Amino acid sequence: MPPPPLPTDLQSVERAALTLGVSNDACYAAIDRALGEAGFAGGDLLLDLGCGQGSLWGFLQPRFQRCIGIDLVRHEGFPGDREFLQHDLQQPGIPLPDGCAAAVIACEVSPCVENPRLLAREMARLVKPGGWVAISNPNLETFFSLLMLVLKRRHRAFQDATAGFMITPLLEADLNRAFAAAGLTNRRSFYTLRGKTPFANGTWPSWLARTFPRRLSDNFGVLAQKPKA
Protein backbone atom coordinates (compact mmCIF):
# COMPACT_ATOMS: atom_id res chain seq x y z
CA MET A 1 0.00 0.00 0.00
CA PRO A 2 1.46 3.42 -0.97
CA PRO A 3 2.13 5.91 1.81
CA PRO A 4 -0.52 8.56 2.44
CA PRO A 5 0.02 11.87 0.59
CA LEU A 6 1.79 14.66 2.38
CA PRO A 7 -0.63 17.36 3.51
CA THR A 8 -0.66 20.74 1.85
CA ASP A 9 -0.69 22.73 5.06
CA LEU A 10 0.05 26.24 6.19
CA GLN A 11 3.67 25.30 6.84
CA SER A 12 4.13 24.28 3.20
CA VAL A 13 2.63 27.54 1.97
CA GLU A 14 4.79 29.58 4.33
CA ARG A 15 7.87 27.65 3.20
CA ALA A 16 7.07 28.46 -0.43
CA ALA A 17 6.60 32.13 0.41
CA LEU A 18 9.99 32.30 2.14
CA THR A 19 11.79 31.51 -1.12
CA LEU A 20 10.39 34.74 -2.66
CA GLY A 21 10.09 32.79 -5.92
CA VAL A 22 13.54 33.65 -7.21
CA SER A 23 16.79 31.86 -7.90
CA ASN A 24 19.61 33.56 -9.81
CA ASP A 25 20.51 34.28 -13.41
CA ALA A 26 23.54 31.99 -13.32
CA CYS A 27 21.25 28.99 -12.71
CA TYR A 28 18.86 29.96 -15.50
CA ALA A 29 21.75 30.52 -17.92
CA ALA A 30 23.33 27.18 -16.98
CA ILE A 31 20.10 25.33 -17.77
CA ASP A 32 19.84 27.05 -21.14
CA ARG A 33 23.48 26.23 -21.88
CA ALA A 34 23.01 22.58 -20.88
CA LEU A 35 20.02 22.20 -23.20
CA GLY A 36 22.03 23.67 -26.06
CA GLU A 37 25.00 21.42 -25.42
CA ALA A 38 22.65 18.40 -25.41
CA GLY A 39 21.51 19.36 -28.91
CA PHE A 40 18.01 20.42 -27.88
CA ALA A 41 16.80 22.75 -30.62
CA GLY A 42 13.40 23.52 -29.13
CA GLY A 43 9.86 22.29 -28.67
CA ASP A 44 6.27 23.19 -28.06
CA LEU A 45 5.74 23.20 -24.28
CA LEU A 46 8.01 23.90 -21.32
CA LEU A 47 6.86 23.01 -17.82
CA ASP A 48 8.55 25.17 -15.16
CA LEU A 49 8.10 23.34 -11.86
CA GLY A 50 8.40 25.56 -8.82
CA CYS A 51 8.25 28.50 -11.20
CA GLY A 52 8.30 31.24 -8.55
CA GLN A 53 8.16 34.59 -10.30
CA GLY A 54 8.67 32.94 -13.69
CA SER A 55 12.17 34.25 -14.38
CA LEU A 56 13.37 31.06 -16.10
CA TRP A 57 11.14 31.80 -19.09
CA GLY A 58 13.18 34.89 -19.93
CA PHE A 59 16.17 32.63 -20.64
CA LEU A 60 14.38 29.71 -22.34
CA GLN A 61 11.66 31.50 -24.30
CA PRO A 62 13.50 31.28 -27.67
CA ARG A 63 13.42 27.47 -27.39
CA PHE A 64 9.68 26.97 -26.77
CA GLN A 65 6.29 28.04 -28.05
CA ARG A 66 4.70 28.26 -24.61
CA CYS A 67 5.35 27.72 -20.93
CA ILE A 68 3.22 26.63 -17.97
CA GLY A 69 4.47 27.65 -14.55
CA ILE A 70 3.58 25.27 -11.71
CA ASP A 71 3.91 26.16 -8.04
CA LEU A 72 2.21 25.89 -4.68
CA VAL A 73 1.56 29.63 -4.59
CA ARG A 74 1.39 32.27 -7.29
CA HIS A 75 4.23 34.54 -6.31
CA GLU A 76 3.99 38.27 -6.66
CA GLY A 77 5.80 39.17 -9.85
CA PHE A 78 4.61 36.19 -11.88
CA PRO A 79 3.33 37.72 -15.15
CA GLY A 80 -0.43 38.03 -15.30
CA ASP A 81 -0.60 36.85 -18.92
CA ARG A 82 1.49 33.70 -18.33
CA GLU A 83 -0.10 30.27 -17.89
CA PHE A 84 -0.04 29.14 -14.25
CA LEU A 85 -1.10 25.93 -12.57
CA GLN A 86 -1.32 25.69 -8.79
CA HIS A 87 -0.05 22.39 -7.41
CA ASP A 88 1.88 21.19 -4.38
CA LEU A 89 5.01 19.52 -5.78
CA GLN A 90 5.17 17.35 -2.69
CA GLN A 91 2.04 15.62 -3.97
CA PRO A 92 1.88 13.26 -6.96
CA GLY A 93 -0.51 13.80 -9.83
CA ILE A 94 0.25 17.17 -11.37
CA PRO A 95 -2.99 17.62 -13.36
CA LEU A 96 -1.47 17.43 -16.83
CA PRO A 97 -1.41 14.47 -19.24
CA ASP A 98 1.52 12.08 -19.53
CA GLY A 99 4.12 13.05 -22.11
CA CYS A 100 2.74 16.53 -22.70
CA ALA A 101 5.93 18.60 -22.57
CA ALA A 102 9.10 18.88 -24.64
CA ALA A 103 11.05 19.73 -21.48
CA VAL A 104 10.36 19.81 -17.75
CA ILE A 105 12.61 21.97 -15.56
CA ALA A 106 12.82 22.31 -11.77
CA CYS A 107 15.22 25.15 -10.96
CA GLU A 108 16.36 25.14 -7.32
CA VAL A 109 13.18 23.37 -6.21
CA SER A 110 14.46 20.01 -4.97
CA PRO A 111 15.96 21.40 -1.72
CA CYS A 112 12.50 22.70 -0.78
CA VAL A 113 10.58 19.41 -1.07
CA GLU A 114 10.59 16.41 1.23
CA ASN A 115 10.68 13.79 -1.53
CA PRO A 116 12.91 14.71 -4.49
CA ARG A 117 12.43 11.25 -6.01
CA LEU A 118 8.71 11.91 -6.32
CA LEU A 119 9.58 15.13 -8.14
CA ALA A 120 11.87 13.21 -10.53
CA ARG A 121 9.15 10.63 -11.25
CA GLU A 122 6.58 13.32 -12.00
CA MET A 123 9.01 15.04 -14.35
CA ALA A 124 9.65 11.75 -16.15
CA ARG A 125 5.91 11.17 -16.50
CA LEU A 126 5.20 14.60 -17.95
CA VAL A 127 8.00 14.80 -20.52
CA LYS A 128 7.59 13.39 -24.03
CA PRO A 129 9.70 10.44 -25.18
CA GLY A 130 12.92 11.97 -26.40
CA GLY A 131 12.35 15.09 -24.30
CA TRP A 132 14.59 16.45 -21.57
CA VAL A 133 14.25 17.13 -17.87
CA ALA A 134 16.60 19.11 -15.65
CA ILE A 135 16.92 19.79 -11.95
CA SER A 136 19.31 22.42 -10.64
CA ASN A 137 20.39 22.46 -7.04
CA PRO A 138 22.81 24.13 -4.58
CA ASN A 139 26.20 22.49 -4.99
CA LEU A 140 27.25 20.78 -1.75
CA GLU A 141 30.58 19.69 -3.20
CA THR A 142 32.19 23.10 -3.62
CA PHE A 143 35.34 23.98 -1.73
CA PHE A 144 33.37 26.61 0.21
CA SER A 145 30.49 24.26 1.11
CA LEU A 146 32.84 21.50 2.27
CA LEU A 147 34.76 24.03 4.35
CA MET A 148 31.52 25.19 6.00
CA LEU A 149 30.61 21.57 6.67
CA VAL A 150 33.88 21.12 8.57
CA LEU A 151 33.69 24.43 10.44
CA LYS A 152 29.94 24.64 11.17
CA ARG A 153 28.76 21.06 10.56
CA ARG A 154 26.31 22.16 7.88
CA HIS A 155 26.61 23.00 4.21
CA ARG A 156 26.80 26.61 3.10
CA ALA A 157 23.33 26.64 1.47
CA PHE A 158 21.72 25.05 4.54
CA GLN A 159 22.47 27.52 7.31
CA ASP A 160 20.06 28.64 10.03
CA ALA A 161 18.91 31.62 7.97
CA THR A 162 17.53 29.35 5.23
CA ALA A 163 16.31 26.49 7.43
CA GLY A 164 12.69 27.50 6.91
CA PHE A 165 12.70 26.38 3.27
CA MET A 166 16.02 24.63 2.51
CA ILE A 167 15.20 21.23 3.95
CA THR A 168 16.67 18.53 1.67
CA PRO A 169 20.39 18.63 0.83
CA LEU A 170 21.26 16.59 -2.26
CA LEU A 171 24.54 15.56 -3.82
CA GLU A 172 25.13 15.24 -7.54
CA ALA A 173 25.04 11.46 -7.11
CA ASP A 174 21.60 11.70 -5.46
CA LEU A 175 20.08 13.51 -8.45
CA ASN A 176 21.64 11.05 -10.88
CA ARG A 177 20.21 8.14 -8.90
CA ALA A 178 16.76 9.74 -8.74
CA PHE A 179 16.71 10.22 -12.51
CA ALA A 180 18.03 6.70 -13.11
CA ALA A 181 15.28 5.27 -10.89
CA ALA A 182 12.72 7.27 -12.91
CA GLY A 183 13.96 5.59 -16.11
CA LEU A 184 15.75 8.63 -17.54
CA THR A 185 18.92 8.21 -19.59
CA ASN A 186 21.71 10.31 -21.14
CA ARG A 187 22.26 11.92 -17.77
CA ARG A 188 24.82 14.72 -17.67
CA SER A 189 25.83 17.22 -15.02
CA PHE A 190 26.19 20.94 -15.58
CA TYR A 191 27.48 23.81 -13.46
CA THR A 192 26.86 27.54 -13.20
CA LEU A 193 30.61 28.32 -13.37
CA ARG A 194 30.01 31.00 -10.79
CA GLY A 195 30.83 30.68 -7.12
CA LYS A 196 31.43 32.86 -4.09
CA THR A 197 34.90 32.91 -2.58
CA PRO A 198 35.12 31.98 1.13
CA PHE A 199 34.92 34.85 3.62
CA ALA A 200 35.18 37.52 0.94
CA ASN A 201 32.73 39.60 -1.07
CA GLY A 202 33.68 38.24 -4.45
CA THR A 203 33.49 35.31 -6.85
CA TRP A 204 36.08 32.99 -8.30
CA PRO A 205 37.63 34.12 -11.61
CA SER A 206 35.65 32.65 -14.50
CA TRP A 207 38.67 30.87 -15.98
CA LEU A 208 39.29 29.14 -12.64
CA ALA A 209 35.62 28.15 -12.27
CA ARG A 210 35.69 26.65 -15.77
CA THR A 211 38.79 24.65 -14.82
CA PHE A 212 37.28 23.30 -11.58
CA PRO A 213 33.49 23.53 -12.13
CA ARG A 214 32.43 21.05 -9.45
CA ARG A 215 34.50 22.71 -6.72
CA LEU A 216 33.89 26.36 -7.63
CA SER A 217 30.27 26.54 -8.88
CA ASP A 218 27.69 27.45 -6.26
CA ASN A 219 24.98 25.58 -8.16
CA PHE A 220 24.88 22.51 -10.37
CA GLY A 221 22.27 20.51 -12.19
CA VAL A 222 21.57 17.22 -13.86
CA LEU A 223 20.00 17.00 -17.31
CA ALA A 224 18.45 13.72 -18.48
CA GLN A 225 16.43 12.40 -21.39
CA LYS A 226 13.34 10.21 -21.56
CA PRO A 227 14.01 7.26 -23.87
CA LYS A 228 12.24 7.41 -27.20
CA ALA A 229 9.40 4.96 -27.64
C-alpha atoms as a PDB file:
ATOM      1  CA  MET A   1       0.000   0.000   0.000  1.00  0.00           C
ATOM      2  CA  PRO A   2       1.461   3.416  -0.972  1.00  0.00           C
ATOM      3  CA  PRO A   3       2.134   5.906   1.815  1.00  0.00           C
ATOM      4  CA  PRO A   4      -0.521   8.561   2.438  1.00  0.00           C
ATOM      5  CA  PRO A   5       0.019  11.867   0.593  1.00  0.00           C
ATOM      6  CA  LEU A   6       1.795  14.663   2.380  1.00  0.00           C
ATOM      7  CA  PRO A   7      -0.630  17.355   3.511  1.00  0.00           C
ATOM      8  CA  THR A   8      -0.660  20.738   1.853  1.00  0.00           C
ATOM      9  CA  ASP A   9      -0.692  22.727   5.057  1.00  0.00           C
ATOM     10  CA  LEU A  10       0.048  26.240   6.185  1.00  0.00           C
ATOM     11  CA  GLN A  11       3.668  25.304   6.845  1.00  0.00           C
ATOM     12  CA  SER A  12       4.127  24.281   3.200  1.00  0.00           C
ATOM     13  CA  VAL A  13       2.627  27.539   1.969  1.00  0.00           C
ATOM     14  CA  GLU A  14       4.786  29.575   4.332  1.00  0.00           C
ATOM     15  CA  ARG A  15       7.867  27.650   3.196  1.00  0.00           C
ATOM     16  CA  ALA A  16       7.073  28.457  -0.434  1.00  0.00           C
ATOM     17  CA  ALA A  17       6.603  32.126   0.405  1.00  0.00           C
ATOM     18  CA  LEU A  18       9.992  32.299   2.138  1.00  0.00           C
ATOM     19  CA  THR A  19      11.788  31.512  -1.120  1.00  0.00           C
ATOM     20  CA  LEU A  20      10.393  34.743  -2.660  1.00  0.00           C
ATOM     21  CA  GLY A  21      10.087  32.793  -5.917  1.00  0.00           C
ATOM     22  CA  VAL A  22      13.538  33.653  -7.208  1.00  0.00           C
ATOM     23  CA  SER A  23      16.790  31.862  -7.905  1.00  0.00           C
ATOM     24  CA  ASN A  24      19.610  33.558  -9.808  1.00  0.00           C
ATOM     25  CA  ASP A  25      20.509  34.283 -13.407  1.00  0.00           C
ATOM     26  CA  ALA A  26      23.539  31.986 -13.316  1.00  0.00           C
ATOM     27  CA  CYS A  27      21.246  28.990 -12.714  1.00  0.00           C
ATOM     28  CA  TYR A  28      18.863  29.964 -15.502  1.00  0.00           C
ATOM     29  CA  ALA A  29      21.746  30.517 -17.923  1.00  0.00           C
ATOM     30  CA  ALA A  30      23.328  27.185 -16.982  1.00  0.00           C
ATOM     31  CA  ILE A  31      20.096  25.328 -17.775  1.00  0.00           C
ATOM     32  CA  ASP A  32      19.842  27.050 -21.144  1.00  0.00           C
ATOM     33  CA  ARG A  33      23.484  26.226 -21.879  1.00  0.00           C
ATOM     34  CA  ALA A  34      23.010  22.580 -20.879  1.00  0.00           C
ATOM     35  CA  LEU A  35      20.021  22.196 -23.200  1.00  0.00           C
ATOM     36  CA  GLY A  36      22.026  23.666 -26.060  1.00  0.00           C
ATOM     37  CA  GLU A  37      24.996  21.416 -25.416  1.00  0.00           C
ATOM     38  CA  ALA A  38      22.649  18.400 -25.411  1.00  0.00           C
ATOM     39  CA  GLY A  39      21.509  19.361 -28.906  1.00  0.00           C
ATOM     40  CA  PHE A  40      18.011  20.424 -27.883  1.00  0.00           C
ATOM     41  CA  ALA A  41      16.803  22.749 -30.625  1.00  0.00           C
ATOM     42  CA  GLY A  42      13.401  23.520 -29.131  1.00  0.00           C
ATOM     43  CA  GLY A  43       9.863  22.293 -28.668  1.00  0.00           C
ATOM     44  CA  ASP A  44       6.271  23.194 -28.057  1.00  0.00           C
ATOM     45  CA  LEU A  45       5.738  23.200 -24.282  1.00  0.00           C
ATOM     46  CA  LEU A  46       8.013  23.900 -21.321  1.00  0.00           C
ATOM     47  CA  LEU A  47       6.862  23.013 -17.818  1.00  0.00           C
ATOM     48  CA  ASP A  48       8.548  25.171 -15.165  1.00  0.00           C
ATOM     49  CA  LEU A  49       8.100  23.339 -11.857  1.00  0.00           C
ATOM     50  CA  GLY A  50       8.397  25.563  -8.821  1.00  0.00           C
ATOM     51  CA  CYS A  51       8.249  28.499 -11.202  1.00  0.00           C
ATOM     52  CA  GLY A  52       8.299  31.242  -8.552  1.00  0.00           C
ATOM     53  CA  GLN A  53       8.161  34.592 -10.301  1.00  0.00           C
ATOM     54  CA  GLY A  54       8.669  32.940 -13.688  1.00  0.00           C
ATOM     55  CA  SER A  55      12.170  34.253 -14.379  1.00  0.00           C
ATOM     56  CA  LEU A  56      13.374  31.061 -16.100  1.00  0.00           C
ATOM     57  CA  TRP A  57      11.143  31.799 -19.087  1.00  0.00           C
ATOM     58  CA  GLY A  58      13.177  34.886 -19.927  1.00  0.00           C
ATOM     59  CA  PHE A  59      16.168  32.632 -20.643  1.00  0.00           C
ATOM     60  CA  LEU A  60      14.384  29.711 -22.345  1.00  0.00           C
ATOM     61  CA  GLN A  61      11.660  31.499 -24.302  1.00  0.00           C
ATOM     62  CA  PRO A  62      13.499  31.279 -27.668  1.00  0.00           C
ATOM     63  CA  ARG A  63      13.418  27.470 -27.394  1.00  0.00           C
ATOM     64  CA  PHE A  64       9.681  26.973 -26.769  1.00  0.00           C
ATOM     65  CA  GLN A  65       6.289  28.042 -28.047  1.00  0.00           C
ATOM     66  CA  ARG A  66       4.695  28.261 -24.607  1.00  0.00           C
ATOM     67  CA  CYS A  67       5.350  27.719 -20.929  1.00  0.00           C
ATOM     68  CA  ILE A  68       3.225  26.632 -17.969  1.00  0.00           C
ATOM     69  CA  GLY A  69       4.467  27.653 -14.550  1.00  0.00           C
ATOM     70  CA  ILE A  70       3.580  25.273 -11.709  1.00  0.00           C
ATOM     71  CA  ASP A  71       3.913  26.163  -8.036  1.00  0.00           C
ATOM     72  CA  LEU A  72       2.209  25.886  -4.677  1.00  0.00           C
ATOM     73  CA  VAL A  73       1.558  29.630  -4.591  1.00  0.00           C
ATOM     74  CA  ARG A  74       1.394  32.268  -7.293  1.00  0.00           C
ATOM     75  CA  HIS A  75       4.228  34.544  -6.311  1.00  0.00           C
ATOM     76  CA  GLU A  76       3.992  38.275  -6.662  1.00  0.00           C
ATOM     77  CA  GLY A  77       5.801  39.167  -9.845  1.00  0.00           C
ATOM     78  CA  PHE A  78       4.606  36.193 -11.881  1.00  0.00           C
ATOM     79  CA  PRO A  79       3.327  37.723 -15.150  1.00  0.00           C
ATOM     80  CA  GLY A  80      -0.429  38.027 -15.296  1.00  0.00           C
ATOM     81  CA  ASP A  81      -0.599  36.845 -18.918  1.00  0.00           C
ATOM     82  CA  ARG A  82       1.491  33.697 -18.325  1.00  0.00           C
ATOM     83  CA  GLU A  83      -0.103  30.268 -17.885  1.00  0.00           C
ATOM     84  CA  PHE A  84      -0.035  29.143 -14.254  1.00  0.00           C
ATOM     85  CA  LEU A  85      -1.099  25.928 -12.570  1.00  0.00           C
ATOM     86  CA  GLN A  86      -1.318  25.687  -8.786  1.00  0.00           C
ATOM     87  CA  HIS A  87      -0.045  22.394  -7.409  1.00  0.00           C
ATOM     88  CA  ASP A  88       1.876  21.186  -4.377  1.00  0.00           C
ATOM     89  CA  LEU A  89       5.009  19.516  -5.782  1.00  0.00           C
ATOM     90  CA  GLN A  90       5.168  17.351  -2.685  1.00  0.00           C
ATOM     91  CA  GLN A  91       2.036  15.623  -3.966  1.00  0.00           C
ATOM     92  CA  PRO A  92       1.880  13.262  -6.962  1.00  0.00           C
ATOM     93  CA  GLY A  93      -0.507  13.803  -9.827  1.00  0.00           C
ATOM     94  CA  ILE A  94       0.250  17.171 -11.373  1.00  0.00           C
ATOM     95  CA  PRO A  95      -2.993  17.620 -13.363  1.00  0.00           C
ATOM     96  CA  LEU A  96      -1.467  17.425 -16.826  1.00  0.00           C
ATOM     97  CA  PRO A  97      -1.406  14.465 -19.238  1.00  0.00           C
ATOM     98  CA  ASP A  98       1.521  12.083 -19.532  1.00  0.00           C
ATOM     99  CA  GLY A  99       4.120  13.045 -22.113  1.00  0.00           C
ATOM    100  CA  CYS A 100       2.736  16.528 -22.702  1.00  0.00           C
ATOM    101  CA  ALA A 101       5.933  18.604 -22.574  1.00  0.00           C
ATOM    102  CA  ALA A 102       9.095  18.879 -24.635  1.00  0.00           C
ATOM    103  CA  ALA A 103      11.050  19.726 -21.476  1.00  0.00           C
ATOM    104  CA  VAL A 104      10.360  19.812 -17.747  1.00  0.00           C
ATOM    105  CA  ILE A 105      12.614  21.974 -15.563  1.00  0.00           C
ATOM    106  CA  ALA A 106      12.821  22.314 -11.772  1.00  0.00           C
ATOM    107  CA  CYS A 107      15.218  25.147 -10.965  1.00  0.00           C
ATOM    108  CA  GLU A 108      16.355  25.142  -7.318  1.00  0.00           C
ATOM    109  CA  VAL A 109      13.178  23.366  -6.206  1.00  0.00           C
ATOM    110  CA  SER A 110      14.455  20.006  -4.967  1.00  0.00           C
ATOM    111  CA  PRO A 111      15.961  21.402  -1.717  1.00  0.00           C
ATOM    112  CA  CYS A 112      12.497  22.700  -0.777  1.00  0.00           C
ATOM    113  CA  VAL A 113      10.582  19.406  -1.072  1.00  0.00           C
ATOM    114  CA  GLU A 114      10.593  16.412   1.229  1.00  0.00           C
ATOM    115  CA  ASN A 115      10.682  13.790  -1.528  1.00  0.00           C
ATOM    116  CA  PRO A 116      12.910  14.707  -4.486  1.00  0.00           C
ATOM    117  CA  ARG A 117      12.431  11.249  -6.015  1.00  0.00           C
ATOM    118  CA  LEU A 118       8.711  11.906  -6.316  1.00  0.00           C
ATOM    119  CA  LEU A 119       9.583  15.128  -8.138  1.00  0.00           C
ATOM    120  CA  ALA A 120      11.869  13.212 -10.526  1.00  0.00           C
ATOM    121  CA  ARG A 121       9.148  10.634 -11.248  1.00  0.00           C
ATOM    122  CA  GLU A 122       6.580  13.325 -12.002  1.00  0.00           C
ATOM    123  CA  MET A 123       9.010  15.042 -14.349  1.00  0.00           C
ATOM    124  CA  ALA A 124       9.654  11.753 -16.154  1.00  0.00           C
ATOM    125  CA  ARG A 125       5.911  11.172 -16.501  1.00  0.00           C
ATOM    126  CA  LEU A 126       5.203  14.598 -17.946  1.00  0.00           C
ATOM    127  CA  VAL A 127       8.002  14.801 -20.525  1.00  0.00           C
ATOM    128  CA  LYS A 128       7.593  13.388 -24.025  1.00  0.00           C
ATOM    129  CA  PRO A 129       9.697  10.436 -25.180  1.00  0.00           C
ATOM    130  CA  GLY A 130      12.924  11.967 -26.399  1.00  0.00           C
ATOM    131  CA  GLY A 131      12.348  15.088 -24.301  1.00  0.00           C
ATOM    132  CA  TRP A 132      14.586  16.454 -21.572  1.00  0.00           C
ATOM    133  CA  VAL A 133      14.255  17.125 -17.869  1.00  0.00           C
ATOM    134  CA  ALA A 134      16.603  19.113 -15.648  1.00  0.00           C
ATOM    135  CA  ILE A 135      16.925  19.785 -11.946  1.00  0.00           C
ATOM    136  CA  SER A 136      19.310  22.417 -10.641  1.00  0.00           C
ATOM    137  CA  ASN A 137      20.393  22.460  -7.040  1.00  0.00           C
ATOM    138  CA  PRO A 138      22.805  24.132  -4.584  1.00  0.00           C
ATOM    139  CA  ASN A 139      26.198  22.492  -4.985  1.00  0.00           C
ATOM    140  CA  LEU A 140      27.248  20.782  -1.748  1.00  0.00           C
ATOM    141  CA  GLU A 141      30.577  19.691  -3.203  1.00  0.00           C
ATOM    142  CA  THR A 142      32.194  23.098  -3.622  1.00  0.00           C
ATOM    143  CA  PHE A 143      35.335  23.976  -1.730  1.00  0.00           C
ATOM    144  CA  PHE A 144      33.369  26.612   0.212  1.00  0.00           C
ATOM    145  CA  SER A 145      30.495  24.262   1.113  1.00  0.00           C
ATOM    146  CA  LEU A 146      32.836  21.503   2.272  1.00  0.00           C
ATOM    147  CA  LEU A 147      34.755  24.026   4.353  1.00  0.00           C
ATOM    148  CA  MET A 148      31.523  25.192   6.000  1.00  0.00           C
ATOM    149  CA  LEU A 149      30.614  21.571   6.673  1.00  0.00           C
ATOM    150  CA  VAL A 150      33.880  21.120   8.574  1.00  0.00           C
ATOM    151  CA  LEU A 151      33.686  24.433  10.442  1.00  0.00           C
ATOM    152  CA  LYS A 152      29.935  24.643  11.170  1.00  0.00           C
ATOM    153  CA  ARG A 153      28.758  21.057  10.558  1.00  0.00           C
ATOM    154  CA  ARG A 154      26.305  22.157   7.879  1.00  0.00           C
ATOM    155  CA  HIS A 155      26.613  22.999   4.209  1.00  0.00           C
ATOM    156  CA  ARG A 156      26.799  26.610   3.102  1.00  0.00           C
ATOM    157  CA  ALA A 157      23.332  26.641   1.467  1.00  0.00           C
ATOM    158  CA  PHE A 158      21.723  25.045   4.543  1.00  0.00           C
ATOM    159  CA  GLN A 159      22.465  27.523   7.306  1.00  0.00           C
ATOM    160  CA  ASP A 160      20.064  28.638  10.031  1.00  0.00           C
ATOM    161  CA  ALA A 161      18.915  31.616   7.968  1.00  0.00           C
ATOM    162  CA  THR A 162      17.529  29.348   5.230  1.00  0.00           C
ATOM    163  CA  ALA A 163      16.315  26.487   7.427  1.00  0.00           C
ATOM    164  CA  GLY A 164      12.694  27.496   6.908  1.00  0.00           C
ATOM    165  CA  PHE A 165      12.697  26.377   3.267  1.00  0.00           C
ATOM    166  CA  MET A 166      16.016  24.632   2.509  1.00  0.00           C
ATOM    167  CA  ILE A 167      15.196  21.225   3.952  1.00  0.00           C
ATOM    168  CA  THR A 168      16.669  18.530   1.665  1.00  0.00           C
ATOM    169  CA  PRO A 169      20.385  18.627   0.832  1.00  0.00           C
ATOM    170  CA  LEU A 170      21.262  16.592  -2.264  1.00  0.00           C
ATOM    171  CA  LEU A 171      24.535  15.557  -3.818  1.00  0.00           C
ATOM    172  CA  GLU A 172      25.134  15.241  -7.540  1.00  0.00           C
ATOM    173  CA  ALA A 173      25.042  11.455  -7.107  1.00  0.00           C
ATOM    174  CA  ASP A 174      21.605  11.704  -5.463  1.00  0.00           C
ATOM    175  CA  LEU A 175      20.078  13.507  -8.450  1.00  0.00           C
ATOM    176  CA  ASN A 176      21.644  11.052 -10.877  1.00  0.00           C
ATOM    177  CA  ARG A 177      20.211   8.137  -8.897  1.00  0.00           C
ATOM    178  CA  ALA A 178      16.762   9.741  -8.742  1.00  0.00           C
ATOM    179  CA  PHE A 179      16.712  10.225 -12.514  1.00  0.00           C
ATOM    180  CA  ALA A 180      18.028   6.702 -13.114  1.00  0.00           C
ATOM    181  CA  ALA A 181      15.277   5.273 -10.890  1.00  0.00           C
ATOM    182  CA  ALA A 182      12.722   7.266 -12.913  1.00  0.00           C
ATOM    183  CA  GLY A 183      13.957   5.594 -16.110  1.00  0.00           C
ATOM    184  CA  LEU A 184      15.749   8.626 -17.538  1.00  0.00           C
ATOM    185  CA  THR A 185      18.919   8.214 -19.587  1.00  0.00           C
ATOM    186  CA  ASN A 186      21.706  10.308 -21.145  1.00  0.00           C
ATOM    187  CA  ARG A 187      22.256  11.921 -17.774  1.00  0.00           C
ATOM    188  CA  ARG A 188      24.815  14.722 -17.668  1.00  0.00           C
ATOM    189  CA  SER A 189      25.826  17.218 -15.020  1.00  0.00           C
ATOM    190  CA  PHE A 190      26.189  20.945 -15.582  1.00  0.00           C
ATOM    191  CA  TYR A 191      27.476  23.811 -13.465  1.00  0.00           C
ATOM    192  CA  THR A 192      26.864  27.538 -13.198  1.00  0.00           C
ATOM    193  CA  LEU A 193      30.613  28.316 -13.375  1.00  0.00           C
ATOM    194  CA  ARG A 194      30.013  31.004 -10.788  1.00  0.00           C
ATOM    195  CA  GLY A 195      30.834  30.679  -7.116  1.00  0.00           C
ATOM    196  CA  LYS A 196      31.434  32.863  -4.087  1.00  0.00           C
ATOM    197  CA  THR A 197      34.904  32.913  -2.580  1.00  0.00           C
ATOM    198  CA  PRO A 198      35.117  31.980   1.126  1.00  0.00           C
ATOM    199  CA  PHE A 199      34.924  34.847   3.624  1.00  0.00           C
ATOM    200  CA  ALA A 200      35.175  37.515   0.937  1.00  0.00           C
ATOM    201  CA  ASN A 201      32.730  39.598  -1.070  1.00  0.00           C
ATOM    202  CA  GLY A 202      33.680  38.237  -4.446  1.00  0.00           C
ATOM    203  CA  THR A 203      33.493  35.310  -6.846  1.00  0.00           C
ATOM    204  CA  TRP A 204      36.077  32.990  -8.298  1.00  0.00           C
ATOM    205  CA  PRO A 205      37.628  34.120 -11.611  1.00  0.00           C
ATOM    206  CA  SER A 206      35.647  32.655 -14.501  1.00  0.00           C
ATOM    207  CA  TRP A 207      38.673  30.873 -15.979  1.00  0.00           C
ATOM    208  CA  LEU A 208      39.287  29.144 -12.644  1.00  0.00           C
ATOM    209  CA  ALA A 209      35.625  28.149 -12.273  1.00  0.00           C
ATOM    210  CA  ARG A 210      35.691  26.650 -15.773  1.00  0.00           C
ATOM    211  CA  THR A 211      38.790  24.650 -14.824  1.00  0.00           C
ATOM    212  CA  PHE A 212      37.276  23.305 -11.580  1.00  0.00           C
ATOM    213  CA  PRO A 213      33.493  23.532 -12.134  1.00  0.00           C
ATOM    214  CA  ARG A 214      32.433  21.053  -9.451  1.00  0.00           C
ATOM    215  CA  ARG A 215      34.502  22.714  -6.724  1.00  0.00           C
ATOM    216  CA  LEU A 216      33.888  26.358  -7.628  1.00  0.00           C
ATOM    217  CA  SER A 217      30.270  26.544  -8.885  1.00  0.00           C
ATOM    218  CA  ASP A 218      27.693  27.453  -6.263  1.00  0.00           C
ATOM    219  CA  ASN A 219      24.984  25.584  -8.163  1.00  0.00           C
ATOM    220  CA  PHE A 220      24.882  22.515 -10.368  1.00  0.00           C
ATOM    221  CA  GLY A 221      22.267  20.512 -12.187  1.00  0.00           C
ATOM    222  CA  VAL A 222      21.570  17.219 -13.864  1.00  0.00           C
ATOM    223  CA  LEU A 223      19.997  16.997 -17.306  1.00  0.00           C
ATOM    224  CA  ALA A 224      18.453  13.717 -18.482  1.00  0.00           C
ATOM    225  CA  GLN A 225      16.428  12.399 -21.386  1.00  0.00           C
ATOM    226  CA  LYS A 226      13.340  10.206 -21.557  1.00  0.00           C
ATOM    227  CA  PRO A 227      14.009   7.265 -23.867  1.00  0.00           C
ATOM    228  CA  LYS A 228      12.241   7.405 -27.198  1.00  0.00           C
ATOM    229  CA  ALA A 229       9.404   4.962 -27.638  1.00  0.00           C
END
